[in-house]
Amino acid sequence: MKRKPKIYIQMFLSYLVMLVIPIAAAAVIYGYSRQVIRSQTEKMNDNLLEMIQRDLDQRVSDVQKIAARLAMDTRVQMISKVKGKFGTEDQMSLYYLYNDLQSLALSEDFISDVFIYFNNTQTVCDINGNMSAELFYDLYYRNAEYPLEWFQEYMGRSHYNDTLKIRRENGDDILLFTMSTLNSYVGESTATVFVFRNWQDAWIP
């Protein structure tokens, strides 16, 4: 009779071992699987971030090329030299430039807007039309942070691949890329090209 407790203990230990072994094996498999999944997830995230970074770099490069091309455009250079009022030929040049900007905005879907400010006449040529800088600001770029005087002074500065973030009155955050015409003297600007895309889009296609 005294041996029965030992038998029960042995049986209990046997059952315990049979129970522990699968649990331990499952824990090892789970830990290994979790490590593999984590490693694969981190790798996928790194690849995704790298792809997004390349796409962002490419889009910024495309915007800079467009701004530089417009800054060297012959028609832009001619209009930028006009002082006082525009003559008939100048008005036609502005009209043709407006058409060029519209075509550019339609062909390049990553661009939200493109406009050119002419400092000598304080005129803006935009995809929405040609107008005074004051009217343009009131219609499209009015914001609490930068008043008209500051915005107009900023447009008249010399720029080379500069950027400016603005929150418009409608709540849109936009990022402006700026480039002055390349015939300007150092520290002066006769015309400045502006290209932007909505900040919320984060340049994701």
C-alpha atoms as a PDB file:
ATOM      1  CA  MET A   1       0.000   0.000   0.000  1.00  0.00           C
ATOM      2  CA  LYS A   2       2.904   2.303   0.647  1.00  0.00           C
ATOM      3  CA  ARG A   3       4.005   2.101  -2.981  1.00  0.00           C
ATOM      4  CA  LYS A   4       0.814   3.595  -4.342  1.00  0.00           C
ATOM      5  CA  PRO A   5       1.724   7.219  -3.514  1.00  0.00           C
ATOM      6  CA  LYS A   6       4.986   6.760  -5.424  1.00  0.00           C
ATOM      7  CA  ILE A   7       3.045   5.394  -8.392  1.00  0.00           C
ATOM      8  CA  TYR A   8       0.676   8.344  -8.267  1.00  0.00           C
ATOM      9  CA  ILE A   9       3.597  10.760  -8.112  1.00  0.00           C
ATOM     10  CA  GLN A  10       5.264   9.058 -11.051  1.00  0.00           C
ATOM     11  CA  MET A  11       2.049   9.174 -13.028  1.00  0.00           C
ATOM     12  CA  PHE A  12       1.586  12.836 -12.139  1.00  0.00           C
ATOM     13  CA  LEU A  13       5.138  13.645 -13.186  1.00  0.00           C
ATOM     14  CA  SER A  14       4.645  11.721 -16.430  1.00  0.00           C
ATOM     15  CA  TYR A  15       1.470  13.642 -17.229  1.00  0.00           C
ATOM     16  CA  LEU A  16       3.197  16.881 -16.260  1.00  0.00           C
ATOM     17  CA  VAL A  17       6.112  16.150 -18.572  1.00  0.00           C
ATOM     18  CA  MET A  18       3.706  15.228 -21.382  1.00  0.00           C
ATOM     19  CA  LEU A  19       1.903  18.544 -20.801  1.00  0.00           C
ATOM     20  CA  VAL A  20       5.019  20.702 -20.454  1.00  0.00           C
ATOM     21  CA  ILE A  21       6.814  19.387 -23.548  1.00  0.00           C
ATOM     22  CA  PRO A  22       4.127  20.505 -26.080  1.00  0.00           C
ATOM     23  CA  ILE A  23       3.711  23.829 -24.278  1.00  0.00           C
ATOM     24  CA  ALA A  24       7.459  24.428 -24.332  1.00  0.00           C
ATOM     25  CA  ALA A  25       7.649  23.391 -27.992  1.00  0.00           C
ATOM     26  CA  ALA A  26       4.731  25.688 -28.863  1.00  0.00           C
ATOM     27  CA  ALA A  27       6.395  28.556 -26.993  1.00  0.00           C
ATOM     28  CA  VAL A  28       9.642  28.022 -28.921  1.00  0.00           C
ATOM     29  CA  ILE A  29       7.804  27.863 -32.248  1.00  0.00           C
ATOM     30  CA  TYR A  30       5.756  30.955 -31.367  1.00  0.00           C
ATOM     31  CA  GLY A  31       8.861  32.896 -30.382  1.00  0.00           C
ATOM     32  CA  TYR A  32      10.656  31.912 -33.566  1.00  0.00           C
ATOM     33  CA  SER A  33       7.639  32.718 -35.735  1.00  0.00           C
ATOM     34  CA  ARG A  34       7.198  36.071 -34.038  1.00  0.00           C
ATOM     35  CA  GLN A  35      10.839  36.934 -34.627  1.00  0.00           C
ATOM     36  CA  VAL A  36      10.580  35.952 -38.291  1.00  0.00           C
ATOM     37  CA  ILE A  37       7.375  37.987 -38.752  1.00  0.00           C
ATOM     38  CA  ARG A  38       8.904  40.996 -37.008  1.00  0.00           C
ATOM     39  CA  SER A  39      12.016  40.748 -39.143  1.00  0.00           C
ATOM     40  CA  GLN A  40       9.972  40.491 -42.351  1.00  0.00           C
ATOM     41  CA  THR A  41       7.709  43.376 -41.275  1.00  0.00           C
ATOM     42  CA  GLU A  42      10.683  45.631 -40.525  1.00  0.00           C
ATOM     43  CA  LYS A  43      12.202  44.719 -43.870  1.00  0.00           C
ATOM     44  CA  MET A  44       8.954  45.513 -45.696  1.00  0.00           C
ATOM     45  CA  ASN A  45       8.615  48.812 -43.822  1.00  0.00           C
ATOM     46  CA  ASP A  46      12.198  49.754 -44.687  1.00  0.00           C
ATOM     47  CA  ASN A  47      11.581  48.930 -48.348  1.00  0.00           C
ATOM     48  CA  LEU A  48       8.334  50.939 -48.335  1.00  0.00           C
ATOM     49  CA  LEU A  49      10.017  53.942 -46.707  1.00  0.00           C
ATOM     50  CA  GLU A  50      12.832  53.747 -49.224  1.00  0.00           C
ATOM     51  CA  MET A  51      10.345  53.656 -52.109  1.00  0.00           C
ATOM     52  CA  ILE A  52       8.439  56.649 -50.694  1.00  0.00           C
ATOM     53  CA  GLN A  53      11.705  58.544 -50.179  1.00  0.00           C
ATOM     54  CA  ARG A  54      12.753  57.896 -53.775  1.00  0.00           C
ATOM     55  CA  ASP A  55       9.344  59.007 -55.008  1.00  0.00           C
ATOM     56  CA  LEU A  56       9.469  62.190 -52.927  1.00  0.00           C
ATOM     57  CA  ASP A  57      12.982  62.979 -54.142  1.00  0.00           C
ATOM     58  CA  GLN A  58      11.903  62.431 -57.738  1.00  0.00           C
ATOM     59  CA  ARG A  59       8.875  64.681 -57.394  1.00  0.00           C
ATOM     60  CA  VAL A  60      10.873  67.457 -55.752  1.00  0.00           C
ATOM     61  CA  SER A  61      13.438  67.136 -58.531  1.00  0.00           C
ATOM     62  CA  ASP A  62      10.652  67.351 -61.150  1.00  0.00           C
ATOM     63  CA  VAL A  63       9.251  70.507 -59.525  1.00  0.00           C
ATOM     64  CA  GLN A  64      12.691  72.122 -59.438  1.00  0.00           C
ATOM     65  CA  LYS A  65      13.231  71.294 -63.114  1.00  0.00           C
ATOM     66  CA  ILE A  66       9.873  72.834 -64.041  1.00  0.00           C
ATOM     67  CA  ALA A  67      10.654  75.985 -62.049  1.00  0.00           C
ATOM     68  CA  ALA A  68      14.112  76.257 -63.628  1.00  0.00           C
ATOM     69  CA  ARG A  69      12.703  75.722 -67.117  1.00  0.00           C
ATOM     70  CA  LEU A  70      10.119  78.469 -66.640  1.00  0.00           C
ATOM     71  CA  ALA A  71      12.762  80.777 -65.161  1.00  0.00           C
ATOM     72  CA  MET A  72      14.768  80.417 -68.385  1.00  0.00           C
ATOM     73  CA  ASP A  73      11.727  80.654 -70.673  1.00  0.00           C
ATOM     74  CA  THR A  74      12.158  83.323 -73.356  1.00  0.00           C
ATOM     75  CA  ARG A  75       8.618  84.652 -72.971  1.00  0.00           C
ATOM     76  CA  VAL A  76       9.005  84.930 -69.196  1.00  0.00           C
ATOM     77  CA  GLN A  77      12.303  86.746 -69.646  1.00  0.00           C
ATOM     78  CA  MET A  78      10.706  89.260 -72.046  1.00  0.00           C
ATOM     79  CA  ILE A  79       7.683  89.959 -69.829  1.00  0.00           C
ATOM     80  CA  SER A  80       9.893  90.355 -66.749  1.00  0.00           C
ATOM     81  CA  LYS A  81      11.684  93.312 -68.379  1.00  0.00           C
ATOM     82  CA  VAL A  82       8.472  95.302 -68.933  1.00  0.00           C
ATOM     83  CA  LYS A  83       8.071  98.351 -66.689  1.00  0.00           C
ATOM     84  CA  GLY A  84       4.967 100.432 -66.198  1.00  0.00           C
ATOM     85  CA  LYS A  85       1.983  99.259 -68.226  1.00  0.00           C
ATOM     86  CA  PHE A  86       1.849  96.301 -70.587  1.00  0.00           C
ATOM     87  CA  GLY A  87       1.557  97.097 -74.279  1.00  0.00           C
ATOM     88  CA  THR A  88      -0.502  95.123 -76.788  1.00  0.00           C
ATOM     89  CA  GLU A  89       2.329  92.724 -77.559  1.00  0.00           C
ATOM     90  CA  ASP A  90       2.993  92.269 -73.855  1.00  0.00           C
ATOM     91  CA  GLN A  91      -0.672  91.439 -73.241  1.00  0.00           C
ATOM     92  CA  MET A  92      -0.488  88.799 -75.961  1.00  0.00           C
ATOM     93  CA  SER A  93       2.682  87.373 -74.408  1.00  0.00           C
ATOM     94  CA  LEU A  94       0.905  87.164 -71.051  1.00  0.00           C
ATOM     95  CA  TYR A  95      -1.992  85.355 -72.688  1.00  0.00           C
ATOM     96  CA  TYR A  96       0.309  82.831 -74.349  1.00  0.00           C
ATOM     97  CA  LEU A  97       2.155  82.346 -71.065  1.00  0.00           C
ATOM     98  CA  TYR A  98      -1.149  81.735 -69.289  1.00  0.00           C
ATOM     99  CA  ASN A  99      -1.952  79.011 -71.849  1.00  0.00           C
ATOM    100  CA  ASP A 100       1.494  77.471 -71.336  1.00  0.00           C
ATOM    101  CA  LEU A 101       0.982  77.340 -67.570  1.00  0.00           C
ATOM    102  CA  GLN A 102      -2.440  75.739 -67.968  1.00  0.00           C
ATOM    103  CA  SER A 103      -1.014  73.070 -70.277  1.00  0.00           C
ATOM    104  CA  LEU A 104       1.812  72.444 -67.838  1.00  0.00           C
ATOM    105  CA  ALA A 105      -0.553  72.010 -64.882  1.00  0.00           C
ATOM    106  CA  LEU A 106      -2.708  69.592 -66.877  1.00  0.00           C
ATOM    107  CA  SER A 107       0.215  67.487 -68.097  1.00  0.00           C
ATOM    108  CA  GLU A 108       1.953  67.306 -64.705  1.00  0.00           C
ATOM    109  CA  ASP A 109      -0.666  65.912 -62.326  1.00  0.00           C
ATOM    110  CA  PHE A 110       1.588  66.285 -59.269  1.00  0.00           C
ATOM    111  CA  ILE A 111       1.367  70.089 -59.553  1.00  0.00           C
ATOM    112  CA  SER A 112      -1.492  71.860 -57.779  1.00  0.00           C
ATOM    113  CA  ASP A 113      -0.651  75.331 -59.089  1.00  0.00           C
ATOM    114  CA  VAL A 114       2.062  77.222 -60.916  1.00  0.00           C
ATOM    115  CA  PHE A 115       2.310  80.990 -61.209  1.00  0.00           C
ATOM    116  CA  ILE A 116       4.855  83.683 -62.037  1.00  0.00           C
ATOM    117  CA  TYR A 117       5.166  87.031 -60.280  1.00  0.00           C
ATOM    118  CA  PHE A 118       6.559  89.942 -62.299  1.00  0.00           C
ATOM    119  CA  ASN A 119       8.153  92.382 -59.898  1.00  0.00           C
ATOM    120  CA  ASN A 120       8.385  95.426 -62.190  1.00  0.00           C
ATOM    121  CA  THR A 121       4.634  95.459 -62.845  1.00  0.00           C
ATOM    122  CA  GLN A 122       3.470  93.643 -59.690  1.00  0.00           C
ATOM    123  CA  THR A 123       1.490  91.293 -61.908  1.00  0.00           C
ATOM    124  CA  VAL A 124       0.874  87.571 -61.511  1.00  0.00           C
ATOM    125  CA  CYS A 125       0.407  85.119 -64.357  1.00  0.00           C
ATOM    126  CA  ASP A 126      -1.376  82.067 -62.933  1.00  0.00           C
ATOM    127  CA  ILE A 127      -3.188  79.021 -64.307  1.00  0.00           C
ATOM    128  CA  ASN A 128      -6.393  80.848 -63.283  1.00  0.00           C
ATOM    129  CA  GLY A 129      -5.545  83.996 -65.244  1.00  0.00           C
ATOM    130  CA  ASN A 130      -3.473  87.193 -65.221  1.00  0.00           C
ATOM    131  CA  MET A 131      -4.126  89.701 -62.435  1.00  0.00           C
ATOM    132  CA  SER A 132      -2.571  92.117 -59.988  1.00  0.00           C
ATOM    133  CA  ALA A 133      -0.543  90.693 -57.101  1.00  0.00           C
ATOM    134  CA  GLU A 134      -3.034  92.149 -54.606  1.00  0.00           C
ATOM    135  CA  LEU A 135      -6.056  90.522 -56.262  1.00  0.00           C
ATOM    136  CA  PHE A 136      -4.161  87.237 -56.626  1.00  0.00           C
ATOM    137  CA  TYR A 137      -3.288  87.213 -52.930  1.00  0.00           C
ATOM    138  CA  ASP A 138      -6.869  88.006 -51.882  1.00  0.00           C
ATOM    139  CA  LEU A 139      -8.306  85.258 -54.071  1.00  0.00           C
ATOM    140  CA  TYR A 140      -5.871  82.402 -53.511  1.00  0.00           C
ATOM    141  CA  TYR A 141      -3.199  83.022 -50.892  1.00  0.00           C
ATOM    142  CA  ARG A 142      -4.676  85.119 -48.109  1.00  0.00           C
ATOM    143  CA  ASN A 143      -3.565  83.746 -44.746  1.00  0.00           C
ATOM    144  CA  ALA A 144      -3.232  84.883 -41.132  1.00  0.00           C
ATOM    145  CA  GLU A 145       0.531  84.397 -40.898  1.00  0.00           C
ATOM    146  CA  TYR A 146       1.722  86.345 -43.941  1.00  0.00           C
ATOM    147  CA  PRO A 147      -0.053  89.614 -44.829  1.00  0.00           C
ATOM    148  CA  LEU A 148      -0.134  90.983 -48.371  1.00  0.00           C
ATOM    149  CA  GLU A 149       2.828  93.303 -47.835  1.00  0.00           C
ATOM    150  CA  TRP A 150       5.057  90.484 -46.602  1.00  0.00           C
ATOM    151  CA  PHE A 151       3.893  88.065 -49.301  1.00  0.00           C
ATOM    152  CA  GLN A 152       4.476  90.615 -52.039  1.00  0.00           C
ATOM    153  CA  GLU A 153       7.915  91.435 -50.646  1.00  0.00           C
ATOM    154  CA  TYR A 154       8.729  87.717 -50.533  1.00  0.00           C
ATOM    155  CA  MET A 155       7.655  87.253 -54.153  1.00  0.00           C
ATOM    156  CA  GLY A 156       9.920  90.116 -55.165  1.00  0.00           C
ATOM    157  CA  ARG A 157      13.041  88.621 -53.568  1.00  0.00           C
ATOM    158  CA  SER A 158      15.697  86.601 -55.341  1.00  0.00           C
ATOM    159  CA  HIS A 159      15.155  82.841 -54.901  1.00  0.00           C
ATOM    160  CA  TYR A 160      16.900  79.656 -55.922  1.00  0.00           C
ATOM    161  CA  ASN A 161      15.043  76.423 -55.109  1.00  0.00           C
ATOM    162  CA  ASP A 162      13.588  77.983 -51.948  1.00  0.00           C
ATOM    163  CA  THR A 163      10.457  76.689 -50.216  1.00  0.00           C
ATOM    164  CA  LEU A 164       7.715  78.372 -48.196  1.00  0.00           C
ATOM    165  CA  LYS A 165       4.934  76.635 -46.250  1.00  0.00           C
ATOM    166  CA  ILE A 166       1.637  78.521 -46.048  1.00  0.00           C
ATOM    167  CA  ARG A 167      -1.699  77.718 -44.385  1.00  0.00           C
ATOM    168  CA  ARG A 168      -4.422  79.394 -46.399  1.00  0.00           C
ATOM    169  CA  GLU A 169      -7.687  80.694 -44.969  1.00  0.00           C
ATOM    170  CA  ASN A 170      -9.529  77.553 -46.131  1.00  0.00           C
ATOM    171  CA  GLY A 171      -7.205  75.438 -43.971  1.00  0.00           C
ATOM    172  CA  ASP A 172      -5.092  74.009 -46.801  1.00  0.00           C
ATOM    173  CA  ASP A 173      -1.384  73.673 -46.076  1.00  0.00           C
ATOM    174  CA  ILE A 174       0.678  74.280 -49.205  1.00  0.00           C
ATOM    175  CA  LEU A 175       4.385  74.150 -49.954  1.00  0.00           C
ATOM    176  CA  LEU A 176       5.665  76.698 -52.455  1.00  0.00           C
ATOM    177  CA  PHE A 177       8.833  76.055 -54.457  1.00  0.00           C
ATOM    178  CA  THR A 178      10.357  79.287 -55.745  1.00  0.00           C
ATOM    179  CA  MET A 179      12.887  80.130 -58.442  1.00  0.00           C
ATOM    180  CA  SER A 180      13.818  83.583 -59.735  1.00  0.00           C
ATOM    181  CA  THR A 181      14.417  84.256 -63.401  1.00  0.00           C
ATOM    182  CA  LEU A 182      18.036  83.605 -64.239  1.00  0.00           C
ATOM    183  CA  ASN A 183      18.642  86.984 -65.884  1.00  0.00           C
ATOM    184  CA  SER A 184      18.195  88.791 -62.557  1.00  0.00           C
ATOM    185  CA  TYR A 185      21.050  90.571 -60.854  1.00  0.00           C
ATOM    186  CA  VAL A 186      22.346  89.204 -57.576  1.00  0.00           C
ATOM    187  CA  GLY A 187      19.940  90.176 -54.782  1.00  0.00           C
ATOM    188  CA  GLU A 188      17.315  91.390 -57.267  1.00  0.00           C
ATOM    189  CA  SER A 189      14.499  89.662 -59.073  1.00  0.00           C
ATOM    190  CA  THR A 190      12.435  90.781 -62.041  1.00  0.00           C
ATOM    191  CA  ALA A 191      10.271  87.654 -61.951  1.00  0.00           C
ATOM    192  CA  THR A 192       9.820  84.631 -59.697  1.00  0.00           C
ATOM    193  CA  VAL A 193       8.359  81.239 -60.553  1.00  0.00           C
ATOM    194  CA  PHE A 194       6.197  79.481 -57.937  1.00  0.00           C
ATOM    195  CA  VAL A 195       5.141  75.834 -58.050  1.00  0.00           C
ATOM    196  CA  PHE A 196       3.222  74.074 -55.301  1.00  0.00           C
ATOM    197  CA  ARG A 197       1.420  70.917 -54.273  1.00  0.00           C
ATOM    198  CA  ASN A 198      -0.938  70.498 -51.306  1.00  0.00           C
ATOM    199  CA  TRP A 199       1.035  69.644 -48.161  1.00  0.00           C
ATOM    200  CA  GLN A 200      -1.681  67.183 -47.027  1.00  0.00           C
ATOM    201  CA  ASP A 201      -1.060  65.013 -50.073  1.00  0.00           C
ATOM    202  CA  ALA A 202       2.498  64.511 -48.848  1.00  0.00           C
ATOM    203  CA  TRP A 203       3.503  63.963 -52.474  1.00  0.00           C
ATOM    204  CA  ILE A 204       2.115  60.447 -52.380  1.00  0.00           C
ATOM    205  CA  PRO A 205       0.902  59.336 -55.808  1.00  0.00           C
END
